[in-house]
């Protein structure tokens, strides 16, 4: 097995207080100033798993590189699968700068019983924090059902708090553990074994033809 760290192909911050702006602010949480909400942050992230589409992925986690923690820490949070695609122009109101979300704010569950979510507590300090539980299911679903693309949003469970509780960082890296796909072919009754290359990792292939191993 091997391990790979996958950086987000796209990540942006959205804010309900400034719903037509993007990329400004922090990852997730609520900023309260003067007794009023100054910002409500949700960040969206896209991961491309195309290079691992034929691999067997046995573990997955998101590793947050947390640079700042403000106010209340350890608050209840959700990482949710986003079913509508978005671009770098994403905002709270629009998923691509012009097309409205089905529901404002990038968080639309598939159904009332949608299992495409991960619950966690927000970071209590700067540094790395891993989100592990149920991330593997999101990754496997992205490969099986969503063209190898994983679209997610970070959000606070309670966005009506009376005091600041938010955090930010540089990126959330998706770390997977996987086994490269292998294939067995037969030519005139002779088995030819080969192993594919995944993410630049070269694995030698072995062929046996007429009793001679190459």
N, C-alpha and C. Protein backbone atom coordinates (compact mmCIF):
# COMPACT_ATOMS: atom_id res chain seq x y z
N UNK A 1 0.84 -1.20 0.00
CA UNK A 1 0.00 0.00 0.00
C UNK A 1 0.87 1.24 0.00
N UNK A 2 0.28 2.32 -0.48
CA UNK A 2 0.99 3.60 -0.55
C UNK A 2 0.09 4.70 -0.01
N UNK A 3 0.69 5.83 0.29
CA UNK A 3 -0.04 6.99 0.79
C UNK A 3 0.17 8.17 -0.15
N UNK A 4 -0.88 8.94 -0.38
CA UNK A 4 -0.78 10.13 -1.24
C UNK A 4 -1.51 11.29 -0.58
N UNK A 5 -0.91 12.47 -0.66
CA UNK A 5 -1.54 13.70 -0.19
C UNK A 5 -2.05 14.47 -1.41
N UNK A 6 -3.34 14.76 -1.43
CA UNK A 6 -3.97 15.43 -2.57
C UNK A 6 -4.41 16.83 -2.15
N UNK A 7 -3.80 17.83 -2.74
CA UNK A 7 -4.19 19.21 -2.44
C UNK A 7 -5.51 19.52 -3.13
N UNK A 8 -6.25 20.44 -2.57
CA UNK A 8 -7.52 20.84 -3.18
C UNK A 8 -7.26 21.47 -4.54
N UNK A 9 -8.02 21.02 -5.53
CA UNK A 9 -7.93 21.63 -6.86
C UNK A 9 -8.55 23.01 -6.85
N UNK A 10 -9.41 23.25 -5.87
CA UNK A 10 -10.08 24.54 -5.74
C UNK A 10 -10.52 24.68 -4.30
N UNK A 11 -10.29 25.85 -3.69
CA UNK A 11 -10.86 26.13 -2.37
C UNK A 11 -11.14 27.61 -2.24
N UNK A 12 -12.31 27.94 -1.71
CA UNK A 12 -12.74 29.33 -1.58
C UNK A 12 -13.57 29.49 -0.31
N UNK A 13 -13.52 30.71 0.23
CA UNK A 13 -14.36 31.06 1.36
C UNK A 13 -15.59 31.81 0.88
N UNK A 14 -16.74 31.49 1.47
CA UNK A 14 -17.96 32.26 1.21
C UNK A 14 -18.46 32.83 2.53
N UNK A 15 -19.26 33.90 2.46
CA UNK A 15 -19.69 34.62 3.66
C UNK A 15 -21.12 35.10 3.47
N UNK A 16 -22.01 34.72 4.38
CA UNK A 16 -23.42 35.10 4.23
C UNK A 16 -23.65 36.59 4.46
N UNK A 17 -22.76 37.25 5.20
CA UNK A 17 -22.91 38.68 5.45
C UNK A 17 -22.51 39.49 4.21
N UNK A 18 -21.54 38.96 3.46
CA UNK A 18 -21.13 39.56 2.18
C UNK A 18 -21.33 38.49 1.11
N UNK A 19 -22.58 38.22 0.76
CA UNK A 19 -22.91 37.03 -0.03
C UNK A 19 -22.44 37.04 -1.48
N UNK A 20 -21.99 38.18 -1.97
CA UNK A 20 -21.52 38.23 -3.36
C UNK A 20 -20.00 38.31 -3.46
N UNK A 21 -19.31 38.18 -2.32
CA UNK A 21 -17.84 38.18 -2.31
C UNK A 21 -17.34 36.76 -2.10
N UNK A 22 -16.10 36.50 -2.49
CA UNK A 22 -15.52 35.19 -2.22
C UNK A 22 -14.03 35.32 -1.97
N UNK A 23 -13.47 34.26 -1.40
CA UNK A 23 -12.03 34.23 -1.18
C UNK A 23 -11.54 35.18 -0.12
N UNK A 24 -12.47 35.80 0.64
CA UNK A 24 -12.09 36.77 1.67
C UNK A 24 -12.54 36.24 3.02
N UNK A 25 -11.60 36.11 3.97
CA UNK A 25 -11.99 35.68 5.30
C UNK A 25 -11.39 34.36 5.70
N UNK A 26 -12.12 33.63 6.50
CA UNK A 26 -11.62 32.41 7.13
C UNK A 26 -12.39 31.19 6.63
N UNK A 27 -11.94 30.02 7.06
CA UNK A 27 -12.56 28.79 6.59
C UNK A 27 -14.00 28.64 7.04
N UNK A 28 -14.18 28.73 8.35
CA UNK A 28 -15.47 28.32 8.89
C UNK A 28 -15.72 29.00 10.22
N UNK A 29 -16.99 29.37 10.45
CA UNK A 29 -17.37 29.91 11.74
C UNK A 29 -18.07 31.24 11.64
N UNK A 30 -18.26 31.88 12.79
CA UNK A 30 -19.02 33.12 12.88
C UNK A 30 -18.17 34.18 13.56
N UNK A 31 -18.08 35.34 12.94
CA UNK A 31 -17.38 36.48 13.51
C UNK A 31 -18.42 37.47 14.02
N UNK A 32 -18.39 37.73 15.33
CA UNK A 32 -19.36 38.65 15.95
C UNK A 32 -18.61 39.90 16.40
N UNK A 33 -19.10 41.06 16.00
CA UNK A 33 -18.49 42.33 16.39
C UNK A 33 -19.58 43.31 16.79
N UNK A 34 -19.44 43.93 17.95
CA UNK A 34 -20.44 44.89 18.41
C UNK A 34 -21.81 44.28 18.61
N UNK A 35 -21.84 43.00 18.96
CA UNK A 35 -23.11 42.32 19.20
C UNK A 35 -23.82 41.87 17.96
N UNK A 36 -23.22 42.07 16.79
CA UNK A 36 -23.85 41.66 15.52
C UNK A 36 -22.90 40.78 14.72
N UNK A 37 -23.47 40.00 13.83
CA UNK A 37 -22.64 39.15 12.97
C UNK A 37 -21.88 40.01 11.97
N UNK A 38 -20.57 39.87 11.96
CA UNK A 38 -19.74 40.55 10.96
C UNK A 38 -19.45 39.63 9.79
N UNK A 39 -19.55 38.32 10.02
CA UNK A 39 -19.31 37.34 8.95
C UNK A 39 -19.80 35.98 9.41
N UNK A 40 -20.29 35.19 8.45
CA UNK A 40 -20.59 33.78 8.67
C UNK A 40 -19.90 33.02 7.55
N UNK A 41 -18.83 32.31 7.90
CA UNK A 41 -17.97 31.69 6.90
C UNK A 41 -18.33 30.23 6.64
N UNK A 42 -18.37 29.85 5.38
CA UNK A 42 -18.36 28.45 4.95
C UNK A 42 -17.35 28.37 3.81
N UNK A 43 -16.46 27.40 3.87
CA UNK A 43 -15.49 27.26 2.78
C UNK A 43 -15.78 26.00 1.97
N UNK A 44 -15.57 26.10 0.66
CA UNK A 44 -15.81 24.97 -0.24
C UNK A 44 -14.49 24.48 -0.82
N UNK A 45 -14.40 23.17 -1.00
CA UNK A 45 -13.16 22.56 -1.48
C UNK A 45 -13.50 21.48 -2.50
N UNK A 46 -12.67 21.38 -3.52
CA UNK A 46 -12.85 20.39 -4.58
C UNK A 46 -11.57 19.56 -4.68
N UNK A 47 -11.73 18.22 -4.72
CA UNK A 47 -10.58 17.31 -4.85
C UNK A 47 -10.78 16.42 -6.08
N UNK A 48 -9.74 16.30 -6.87
CA UNK A 48 -9.78 15.48 -8.09
C UNK A 48 -9.08 14.16 -7.81
N UNK A 49 -9.84 13.08 -7.86
CA UNK A 49 -9.33 11.74 -7.56
C UNK A 49 -9.10 10.90 -8.81
N UNK A 50 -9.06 11.54 -9.96
CA UNK A 50 -8.95 10.81 -11.23
C UNK A 50 -7.73 9.90 -11.28
N UNK A 51 -6.62 10.33 -10.69
CA UNK A 51 -5.39 9.52 -10.74
C UNK A 51 -5.51 8.24 -9.93
N UNK A 52 -6.55 8.13 -9.10
CA UNK A 52 -6.71 6.96 -8.23
C UNK A 52 -8.02 6.23 -8.51
N UNK A 53 -8.60 6.48 -9.67
CA UNK A 53 -9.91 5.92 -9.99
C UNK A 53 -9.90 4.40 -10.03
N UNK A 54 -8.77 3.79 -10.40
CA UNK A 54 -8.72 2.33 -10.49
C UNK A 54 -8.00 1.71 -9.30
N UNK A 55 -7.57 2.53 -8.37
CA UNK A 55 -6.89 2.02 -7.18
C UNK A 55 -7.90 1.56 -6.14
N UNK A 56 -7.44 0.76 -5.20
CA UNK A 56 -8.27 0.37 -4.06
C UNK A 56 -7.88 1.27 -2.90
N UNK A 57 -8.78 2.15 -2.51
CA UNK A 57 -8.50 3.09 -1.43
C UNK A 57 -9.06 2.53 -0.13
N UNK A 58 -8.20 2.38 0.86
CA UNK A 58 -8.59 1.71 2.10
C UNK A 58 -8.69 2.66 3.29
N UNK A 59 -8.18 3.88 3.15
CA UNK A 59 -8.26 4.85 4.24
C UNK A 59 -8.20 6.25 3.66
N UNK A 60 -8.84 7.20 4.33
CA UNK A 60 -8.81 8.59 3.87
C UNK A 60 -9.05 9.52 5.05
N UNK A 61 -8.39 10.66 5.02
CA UNK A 61 -8.61 11.68 6.05
C UNK A 61 -8.29 13.04 5.47
N UNK A 62 -8.89 14.07 6.04
CA UNK A 62 -8.58 15.44 5.67
C UNK A 62 -7.69 16.02 6.75
N UNK A 63 -6.57 16.62 6.33
CA UNK A 63 -5.62 17.20 7.28
C UNK A 63 -5.65 18.71 7.12
N UNK A 64 -6.16 19.38 8.15
CA UNK A 64 -6.30 20.83 8.14
C UNK A 64 -5.00 21.47 8.63
N UNK A 65 -4.50 22.41 7.87
CA UNK A 65 -3.34 23.20 8.30
C UNK A 65 -3.88 24.50 8.89
N UNK A 66 -4.11 24.51 10.19
CA UNK A 66 -4.80 25.62 10.85
C UNK A 66 -3.79 26.71 11.23
N UNK A 67 -4.06 27.92 10.75
CA UNK A 67 -3.16 29.04 11.00
C UNK A 67 -3.67 29.98 12.08
N UNK A 68 -4.99 30.02 12.30
CA UNK A 68 -5.55 30.93 13.30
C UNK A 68 -6.84 30.36 13.86
N UNK A 69 -7.04 30.60 15.17
CA UNK A 69 -8.25 30.18 15.87
C UNK A 69 -8.72 31.37 16.70
N UNK A 70 -9.95 31.81 16.50
CA UNK A 70 -10.44 33.02 17.15
C UNK A 70 -11.70 32.71 17.94
N UNK A 71 -11.75 33.18 19.19
CA UNK A 71 -12.93 33.02 20.03
C UNK A 71 -13.11 31.60 20.52
N UNK A 72 -14.36 31.18 20.62
CA UNK A 72 -14.69 29.84 21.09
C UNK A 72 -14.06 28.78 20.19
N UNK A 73 -13.53 27.73 20.77
CA UNK A 73 -12.91 26.66 19.99
C UNK A 73 -13.63 25.34 20.23
N UNK A 74 -13.35 24.37 19.39
CA UNK A 74 -13.92 23.05 19.58
C UNK A 74 -15.42 22.98 19.36
N UNK A 75 -15.97 23.91 18.54
CA UNK A 75 -17.42 23.92 18.34
C UNK A 75 -17.85 22.86 17.32
N UNK A 76 -19.10 22.43 17.44
CA UNK A 76 -19.63 21.37 16.57
C UNK A 76 -19.65 21.83 15.12
N UNK A 77 -19.17 20.97 14.24
CA UNK A 77 -19.00 21.34 12.83
C UNK A 77 -19.38 20.17 11.93
N UNK A 78 -19.62 20.48 10.67
CA UNK A 78 -19.97 19.46 9.68
C UNK A 78 -19.18 19.68 8.40
N UNK A 79 -18.63 18.61 7.88
CA UNK A 79 -18.06 18.58 6.54
C UNK A 79 -19.08 17.86 5.68
N UNK A 80 -19.67 18.58 4.72
CA UNK A 80 -20.78 18.02 3.94
C UNK A 80 -20.42 17.92 2.46
N UNK A 81 -20.86 16.82 1.86
CA UNK A 81 -20.72 16.68 0.42
C UNK A 81 -21.61 17.70 -0.28
N UNK A 82 -21.05 18.38 -1.29
CA UNK A 82 -21.82 19.35 -2.08
C UNK A 82 -22.15 18.69 -3.41
N UNK A 83 -23.41 18.67 -3.77
CA UNK A 83 -23.83 17.97 -4.98
C UNK A 83 -23.92 18.86 -6.21
N UNK A 84 -23.88 20.18 -5.99
CA UNK A 84 -23.83 21.10 -7.12
C UNK A 84 -22.38 21.50 -7.36
N UNK A 85 -21.95 21.49 -8.61
CA UNK A 85 -20.57 21.89 -8.91
C UNK A 85 -20.40 23.39 -8.71
N UNK A 86 -19.16 23.80 -8.49
CA UNK A 86 -18.87 25.22 -8.33
C UNK A 86 -17.52 25.54 -8.96
N UNK A 87 -17.28 26.82 -9.16
CA UNK A 87 -16.02 27.27 -9.76
C UNK A 87 -15.30 28.21 -8.79
N UNK A 88 -14.17 28.74 -9.24
CA UNK A 88 -13.40 29.66 -8.41
C UNK A 88 -14.16 30.95 -8.14
N UNK A 89 -15.22 31.20 -8.89
CA UNK A 89 -16.05 32.40 -8.70
C UNK A 89 -17.18 32.18 -7.71
N UNK A 90 -17.17 31.07 -7.00
CA UNK A 90 -18.24 30.71 -6.07
C UNK A 90 -18.42 31.78 -4.99
N UNK A 91 -19.67 32.05 -4.64
CA UNK A 91 -20.01 32.94 -3.53
C UNK A 91 -21.11 32.27 -2.71
N UNK A 92 -21.54 32.93 -1.64
CA UNK A 92 -22.64 32.41 -0.82
C UNK A 92 -23.91 32.28 -1.67
N UNK A 93 -24.12 33.20 -2.59
CA UNK A 93 -25.35 33.21 -3.39
C UNK A 93 -25.24 32.42 -4.68
N UNK A 94 -24.05 32.40 -5.29
CA UNK A 94 -23.88 31.83 -6.63
C UNK A 94 -22.77 30.77 -6.62
N UNK A 95 -23.03 29.67 -7.31
CA UNK A 95 -22.03 28.61 -7.31
C UNK A 95 -20.92 28.81 -8.34
N UNK A 96 -21.15 29.70 -9.30
CA UNK A 96 -20.12 29.95 -10.30
C UNK A 96 -20.04 31.44 -10.66
N UNK A 97 -20.54 32.27 -9.79
CA UNK A 97 -20.54 33.70 -10.05
C UNK A 97 -21.80 34.19 -10.71
N UNK A 98 -22.58 33.28 -11.32
CA UNK A 98 -23.81 33.70 -12.00
C UNK A 98 -25.00 32.77 -11.73
N UNK A 99 -24.75 31.50 -11.46
CA UNK A 99 -25.83 30.54 -11.24
C UNK A 99 -26.11 30.37 -9.75
N UNK A 100 -27.36 30.60 -9.36
CA UNK A 100 -27.71 30.52 -7.94
C UNK A 100 -27.68 29.07 -7.45
N UNK A 101 -27.28 28.90 -6.18
CA UNK A 101 -27.41 27.60 -5.53
C UNK A 101 -28.90 27.27 -5.41
N UNK A 102 -29.21 26.00 -5.32
CA UNK A 102 -30.59 25.61 -5.07
C UNK A 102 -31.07 26.21 -3.76
N UNK A 103 -30.17 26.19 -2.77
CA UNK A 103 -30.43 26.85 -1.49
C UNK A 103 -29.23 27.74 -1.21
N UNK A 104 -29.45 29.00 -0.89
CA UNK A 104 -28.33 29.92 -0.67
C UNK A 104 -27.40 29.39 0.41
N UNK A 105 -26.12 29.58 0.18
CA UNK A 105 -25.12 28.97 1.04
C UNK A 105 -24.80 27.61 0.46
N UNK A 106 -23.52 27.32 0.20
CA UNK A 106 -23.15 26.08 -0.50
C UNK A 106 -23.31 24.84 0.37
N UNK A 107 -24.54 24.43 0.60
CA UNK A 107 -24.79 23.25 1.41
C UNK A 107 -26.17 22.71 1.13
N UNK A 108 -26.28 21.82 0.17
CA UNK A 108 -27.58 21.25 -0.18
C UNK A 108 -27.50 19.73 -0.08
N UNK A 109 -28.08 19.13 0.97
CA UNK A 109 -28.02 17.67 1.09
C UNK A 109 -28.80 16.99 -0.03
N UNK A 110 -28.40 15.78 -0.33
CA UNK A 110 -29.06 15.03 -1.39
C UNK A 110 -30.52 14.74 -1.04
N UNK A 111 -30.74 14.45 0.23
CA UNK A 111 -32.09 14.19 0.71
C UNK A 111 -32.06 14.32 2.22
N UNK A 112 -33.20 14.11 2.84
CA UNK A 112 -33.27 14.20 4.30
C UNK A 112 -32.42 13.12 4.96
N UNK A 113 -32.14 12.05 4.22
CA UNK A 113 -31.34 10.96 4.78
C UNK A 113 -29.95 10.89 4.16
N UNK A 114 -29.52 11.98 3.54
CA UNK A 114 -28.20 12.00 2.90
C UNK A 114 -27.11 11.69 3.92
N UNK A 115 -26.26 10.73 3.60
CA UNK A 115 -25.18 10.33 4.51
C UNK A 115 -23.85 10.97 4.10
N UNK A 116 -23.88 11.89 3.16
CA UNK A 116 -22.65 12.50 2.67
C UNK A 116 -22.15 13.61 3.56
N UNK A 117 -21.87 13.28 4.81
CA UNK A 117 -21.39 14.30 5.73
C UNK A 117 -20.52 13.68 6.81
N UNK A 118 -19.68 14.51 7.39
CA UNK A 118 -18.78 14.11 8.46
C UNK A 118 -18.93 15.12 9.58
N UNK A 119 -19.14 14.67 10.80
CA UNK A 119 -19.21 15.60 11.93
C UNK A 119 -17.86 15.62 12.64
N UNK A 120 -17.47 16.80 13.11
CA UNK A 120 -16.21 16.94 13.83
C UNK A 120 -16.27 18.19 14.70
N UNK A 121 -15.30 18.33 15.60
CA UNK A 121 -15.18 19.54 16.40
C UNK A 121 -14.11 20.43 15.79
N UNK A 122 -14.37 21.72 15.75
CA UNK A 122 -13.42 22.65 15.15
C UNK A 122 -12.09 22.63 15.92
N UNK A 123 -11.02 23.07 15.28
CA UNK A 123 -9.70 23.06 15.94
C UNK A 123 -9.68 23.88 17.23
N UNK A 124 -8.89 23.41 18.18
CA UNK A 124 -8.71 24.13 19.44
C UNK A 124 -7.38 24.87 19.49
N UNK A 125 -6.53 24.64 18.48
CA UNK A 125 -5.22 25.28 18.43
C UNK A 125 -4.74 25.29 17.00
N UNK A 126 -3.70 26.07 16.74
CA UNK A 126 -3.12 26.07 15.40
C UNK A 126 -2.31 24.79 15.18
N UNK A 127 -1.95 24.55 13.93
CA UNK A 127 -1.22 23.33 13.59
C UNK A 127 -2.09 22.38 12.79
N UNK A 128 -1.68 21.13 12.69
CA UNK A 128 -2.42 20.16 11.89
C UNK A 128 -3.52 19.49 12.70
N UNK A 129 -4.67 19.34 12.07
CA UNK A 129 -5.75 18.57 12.67
C UNK A 129 -6.31 17.65 11.62
N UNK A 130 -6.51 16.38 12.00
CA UNK A 130 -7.02 15.39 11.05
C UNK A 130 -8.50 15.14 11.28
N UNK A 131 -9.25 15.08 10.19
CA UNK A 131 -10.65 14.65 10.22
C UNK A 131 -10.69 13.29 9.53
N UNK A 132 -11.07 12.26 10.28
CA UNK A 132 -10.95 10.90 9.77
C UNK A 132 -12.30 10.24 9.54
N UNK A 133 -13.17 10.27 10.53
CA UNK A 133 -14.41 9.49 10.49
C UNK A 133 -15.24 9.80 9.24
N UNK A 134 -15.56 8.74 8.48
CA UNK A 134 -16.45 8.79 7.31
C UNK A 134 -15.88 9.50 6.09
N UNK A 135 -14.66 10.00 6.15
CA UNK A 135 -14.06 10.63 4.96
C UNK A 135 -13.86 9.58 3.86
N UNK A 136 -13.49 8.38 4.24
CA UNK A 136 -13.30 7.31 3.26
C UNK A 136 -14.57 7.08 2.45
N UNK A 137 -15.72 7.10 3.09
CA UNK A 137 -16.99 6.88 2.38
C UNK A 137 -17.23 7.99 1.36
N UNK A 138 -16.88 9.22 1.70
CA UNK A 138 -17.03 10.32 0.75
C UNK A 138 -16.12 10.13 -0.46
N UNK A 139 -14.89 9.69 -0.22
CA UNK A 139 -13.94 9.47 -1.30
C UNK A 139 -14.41 8.35 -2.22
N UNK A 140 -14.82 7.25 -1.63
CA UNK A 140 -15.27 6.11 -2.44
C UNK A 140 -16.51 6.47 -3.24
N UNK A 141 -17.41 7.24 -2.66
CA UNK A 141 -18.61 7.68 -3.38
C UNK A 141 -18.25 8.60 -4.54
N UNK A 142 -17.26 9.47 -4.33
CA UNK A 142 -16.85 10.39 -5.41
C UNK A 142 -16.33 9.61 -6.62
N UNK A 143 -15.58 8.56 -6.37
CA UNK A 143 -15.03 7.75 -7.46
C UNK A 143 -16.13 6.91 -8.12
N UNK A 144 -17.00 6.36 -7.33
CA UNK A 144 -18.03 5.46 -7.87
C UNK A 144 -19.16 6.20 -8.57
N UNK A 145 -19.51 7.41 -8.08
CA UNK A 145 -20.74 8.04 -8.54
C UNK A 145 -20.61 9.47 -9.04
N UNK A 146 -19.45 10.11 -8.87
CA UNK A 146 -19.37 11.55 -9.15
C UNK A 146 -18.15 11.93 -9.99
N UNK A 147 -17.84 11.06 -10.95
CA UNK A 147 -16.78 11.34 -11.93
C UNK A 147 -15.44 11.64 -11.28
N UNK A 148 -15.17 10.97 -10.16
CA UNK A 148 -13.87 11.08 -9.45
C UNK A 148 -13.65 12.43 -8.80
N UNK A 149 -14.71 13.21 -8.63
CA UNK A 149 -14.56 14.55 -8.03
C UNK A 149 -15.30 14.60 -6.69
N UNK A 150 -14.58 15.07 -5.68
CA UNK A 150 -15.16 15.23 -4.35
C UNK A 150 -15.32 16.72 -4.07
N UNK A 151 -16.56 17.16 -3.87
CA UNK A 151 -16.90 18.56 -3.59
C UNK A 151 -17.45 18.63 -2.17
N UNK A 152 -16.84 19.43 -1.30
CA UNK A 152 -17.28 19.48 0.09
C UNK A 152 -17.34 20.92 0.60
N UNK A 153 -18.08 21.11 1.69
CA UNK A 153 -18.16 22.41 2.35
C UNK A 153 -17.96 22.21 3.85
N UNK A 154 -17.19 23.12 4.46
CA UNK A 154 -17.04 23.16 5.91
C UNK A 154 -18.04 24.18 6.46
N UNK A 155 -18.79 23.80 7.51
CA UNK A 155 -19.72 24.75 8.09
C UNK A 155 -19.93 24.46 9.57
N UNK A 156 -20.31 25.50 10.32
CA UNK A 156 -20.62 25.35 11.74
C UNK A 156 -22.04 24.84 11.91
N UNK A 157 -22.25 24.01 12.90
CA UNK A 157 -23.60 23.52 13.16
C UNK A 157 -24.51 24.65 13.65
N UNK A 158 -23.96 25.57 14.44
CA UNK A 158 -24.74 26.70 14.95
C UNK A 158 -24.14 27.99 14.39
N UNK A 159 -24.86 28.60 13.46
CA UNK A 159 -24.38 29.85 12.86
C UNK A 159 -25.10 31.07 13.45
N UNK A 160 -25.70 30.88 14.63
CA UNK A 160 -26.39 31.97 15.32
C UNK A 160 -25.82 32.20 16.71
N UNK A 161 -24.53 31.97 16.87
CA UNK A 161 -23.89 32.15 18.18
C UNK A 161 -23.77 33.64 18.49
N UNK A 162 -23.65 33.95 19.79
CA UNK A 162 -23.58 35.33 20.21
C UNK A 162 -22.18 35.88 20.36
N UNK A 163 -21.18 35.03 20.19
CA UNK A 163 -19.79 35.48 20.28
C UNK A 163 -18.97 34.80 19.20
N UNK A 164 -17.84 35.37 18.88
CA UNK A 164 -17.03 34.88 17.76
C UNK A 164 -16.55 33.44 17.98
N UNK A 165 -16.56 32.67 16.92
CA UNK A 165 -16.07 31.30 16.93
C UNK A 165 -15.73 30.93 15.49
N UNK A 166 -14.48 31.11 15.11
CA UNK A 166 -14.08 30.78 13.74
C UNK A 166 -12.60 30.48 13.66
N UNK A 167 -12.18 29.91 12.54
CA UNK A 167 -10.78 29.55 12.33
C UNK A 167 -10.44 29.61 10.85
N UNK A 168 -9.16 29.61 10.56
CA UNK A 168 -8.72 29.65 9.16
C UNK A 168 -7.37 28.98 9.01
N UNK A 169 -6.97 28.80 7.76
CA UNK A 169 -5.69 28.16 7.49
C UNK A 169 -5.34 28.27 6.02
N UNK A 170 -4.37 27.47 5.60
CA UNK A 170 -3.89 27.54 4.23
C UNK A 170 -4.61 26.57 3.31
N UNK A 171 -4.78 25.33 3.75
CA UNK A 171 -5.46 24.35 2.90
C UNK A 171 -5.85 23.14 3.73
N UNK A 172 -6.73 22.33 3.19
CA UNK A 172 -7.10 21.05 3.77
C UNK A 172 -6.66 19.99 2.77
N UNK A 173 -5.66 19.21 3.14
CA UNK A 173 -5.10 18.19 2.25
C UNK A 173 -5.81 16.87 2.47
N UNK A 174 -6.21 16.23 1.38
CA UNK A 174 -6.84 14.91 1.45
C UNK A 174 -5.75 13.86 1.37
N UNK A 175 -5.62 13.07 2.43
CA UNK A 175 -4.62 12.00 2.47
C UNK A 175 -5.32 10.66 2.31
N UNK A 176 -4.87 9.87 1.34
CA UNK A 176 -5.46 8.55 1.11
C UNK A 176 -4.39 7.46 1.22
N UNK A 177 -4.84 6.29 1.62
CA UNK A 177 -4.01 5.09 1.58
C UNK A 177 -4.62 4.17 0.53
N UNK A 178 -3.80 3.69 -0.38
CA UNK A 178 -4.35 2.95 -1.51
C UNK A 178 -3.41 1.84 -1.97
N UNK A 179 -3.97 0.93 -2.74
CA UNK A 179 -3.21 -0.11 -3.44
C UNK A 179 -3.45 0.07 -4.92
N UNK A 180 -2.38 0.14 -5.70
CA UNK A 180 -2.51 0.33 -7.14
C UNK A 180 -3.28 -0.81 -7.78
N UNK A 181 -4.04 -0.48 -8.81
CA UNK A 181 -4.83 -1.49 -9.52
C UNK A 181 -3.90 -2.41 -10.29
N UNK A 182 -4.30 -3.66 -10.41
CA UNK A 182 -3.55 -4.63 -11.21
C UNK A 182 -4.50 -5.25 -12.21
N UNK A 183 -3.94 -5.76 -13.30
CA UNK A 183 -4.77 -6.41 -14.32
C UNK A 183 -4.07 -7.66 -14.81
N UNK A 184 -4.86 -8.67 -15.16
CA UNK A 184 -4.34 -9.93 -15.69
C UNK A 184 -4.92 -10.13 -17.09
N UNK A 185 -4.05 -10.27 -18.06
CA UNK A 185 -4.48 -10.49 -19.44
C UNK A 185 -3.96 -11.84 -19.92
N UNK A 186 -4.63 -12.41 -20.86
CA UNK A 186 -4.18 -13.67 -21.46
C UNK A 186 -3.97 -13.49 -22.94
N UNK A 187 -2.84 -13.94 -23.42
CA UNK A 187 -2.54 -13.94 -24.84
C UNK A 187 -2.27 -15.40 -25.23
N UNK A 188 -3.13 -15.94 -26.06
CA UNK A 188 -3.01 -17.34 -26.50
C UNK A 188 -2.87 -18.26 -25.30
N UNK A 189 -3.66 -18.00 -24.27
CA UNK A 189 -3.68 -18.88 -23.11
C UNK A 189 -2.58 -18.60 -22.11
N UNK A 190 -1.72 -17.65 -22.39
CA UNK A 190 -0.62 -17.33 -21.47
C UNK A 190 -0.97 -16.09 -20.67
N UNK A 191 -0.86 -16.15 -19.37
CA UNK A 191 -1.20 -15.01 -18.52
C UNK A 191 -0.09 -13.97 -18.56
N UNK A 192 -0.48 -12.73 -18.75
CA UNK A 192 0.45 -11.61 -18.71
C UNK A 192 0.02 -10.71 -17.56
N UNK A 193 0.84 -10.61 -16.54
CA UNK A 193 0.49 -9.80 -15.37
C UNK A 193 1.09 -8.42 -15.50
N UNK A 194 0.32 -7.43 -15.15
CA UNK A 194 0.84 -6.06 -15.18
C UNK A 194 0.20 -5.26 -14.07
N UNK A 195 0.92 -4.26 -13.61
CA UNK A 195 0.42 -3.37 -12.57
C UNK A 195 0.51 -1.96 -13.08
N UNK A 196 -0.54 -1.20 -12.95
CA UNK A 196 -0.57 0.15 -13.48
C UNK A 196 0.20 1.13 -12.60
N UNK A 197 0.60 2.23 -13.20
CA UNK A 197 1.26 3.30 -12.47
C UNK A 197 0.19 4.23 -11.91
N UNK A 198 0.33 4.57 -10.63
CA UNK A 198 -0.61 5.49 -9.97
C UNK A 198 0.16 6.65 -9.39
N UNK A 199 -0.20 7.84 -9.76
CA UNK A 199 0.40 9.08 -9.24
C UNK A 199 1.91 9.07 -9.33
N UNK A 200 2.42 8.67 -10.47
CA UNK A 200 3.85 8.76 -10.70
C UNK A 200 4.67 7.66 -10.04
N UNK A 201 4.03 6.70 -9.38
CA UNK A 201 4.76 5.61 -8.74
C UNK A 201 4.90 4.47 -9.73
N UNK A 202 6.11 4.20 -10.15
CA UNK A 202 6.34 3.18 -11.17
C UNK A 202 6.44 1.81 -10.52
N UNK A 203 5.69 0.83 -11.06
CA UNK A 203 5.74 -0.54 -10.56
C UNK A 203 6.03 -1.45 -11.74
N UNK A 204 7.08 -2.27 -11.58
CA UNK A 204 7.52 -3.10 -12.71
C UNK A 204 6.46 -4.13 -13.06
N UNK A 205 6.38 -4.46 -14.33
CA UNK A 205 5.46 -5.50 -14.77
C UNK A 205 6.24 -6.76 -15.12
N UNK A 206 5.58 -7.89 -15.01
CA UNK A 206 6.22 -9.16 -15.30
C UNK A 206 5.42 -9.88 -16.36
N UNK A 207 6.09 -10.32 -17.39
CA UNK A 207 5.44 -11.05 -18.47
C UNK A 207 6.10 -12.43 -18.62
N UNK A 208 5.32 -13.41 -18.88
CA UNK A 208 5.86 -14.73 -19.12
C UNK A 208 5.30 -15.26 -20.44
N UNK A 209 6.15 -15.40 -21.41
CA UNK A 209 5.73 -15.84 -22.72
C UNK A 209 6.60 -17.05 -23.10
N UNK A 210 5.93 -18.16 -23.44
CA UNK A 210 6.63 -19.39 -23.85
C UNK A 210 7.68 -19.80 -22.81
N UNK A 211 7.30 -19.67 -21.52
CA UNK A 211 8.19 -20.12 -20.48
C UNK A 211 9.33 -19.19 -20.17
N UNK A 212 9.44 -18.07 -20.88
CA UNK A 212 10.53 -17.13 -20.65
C UNK A 212 9.99 -15.92 -19.90
N UNK A 213 10.60 -15.58 -18.77
CA UNK A 213 10.17 -14.42 -17.99
C UNK A 213 10.96 -13.21 -18.36
N UNK A 214 10.25 -12.11 -18.73
CA UNK A 214 10.89 -10.85 -19.10
C UNK A 214 10.67 -9.86 -17.97
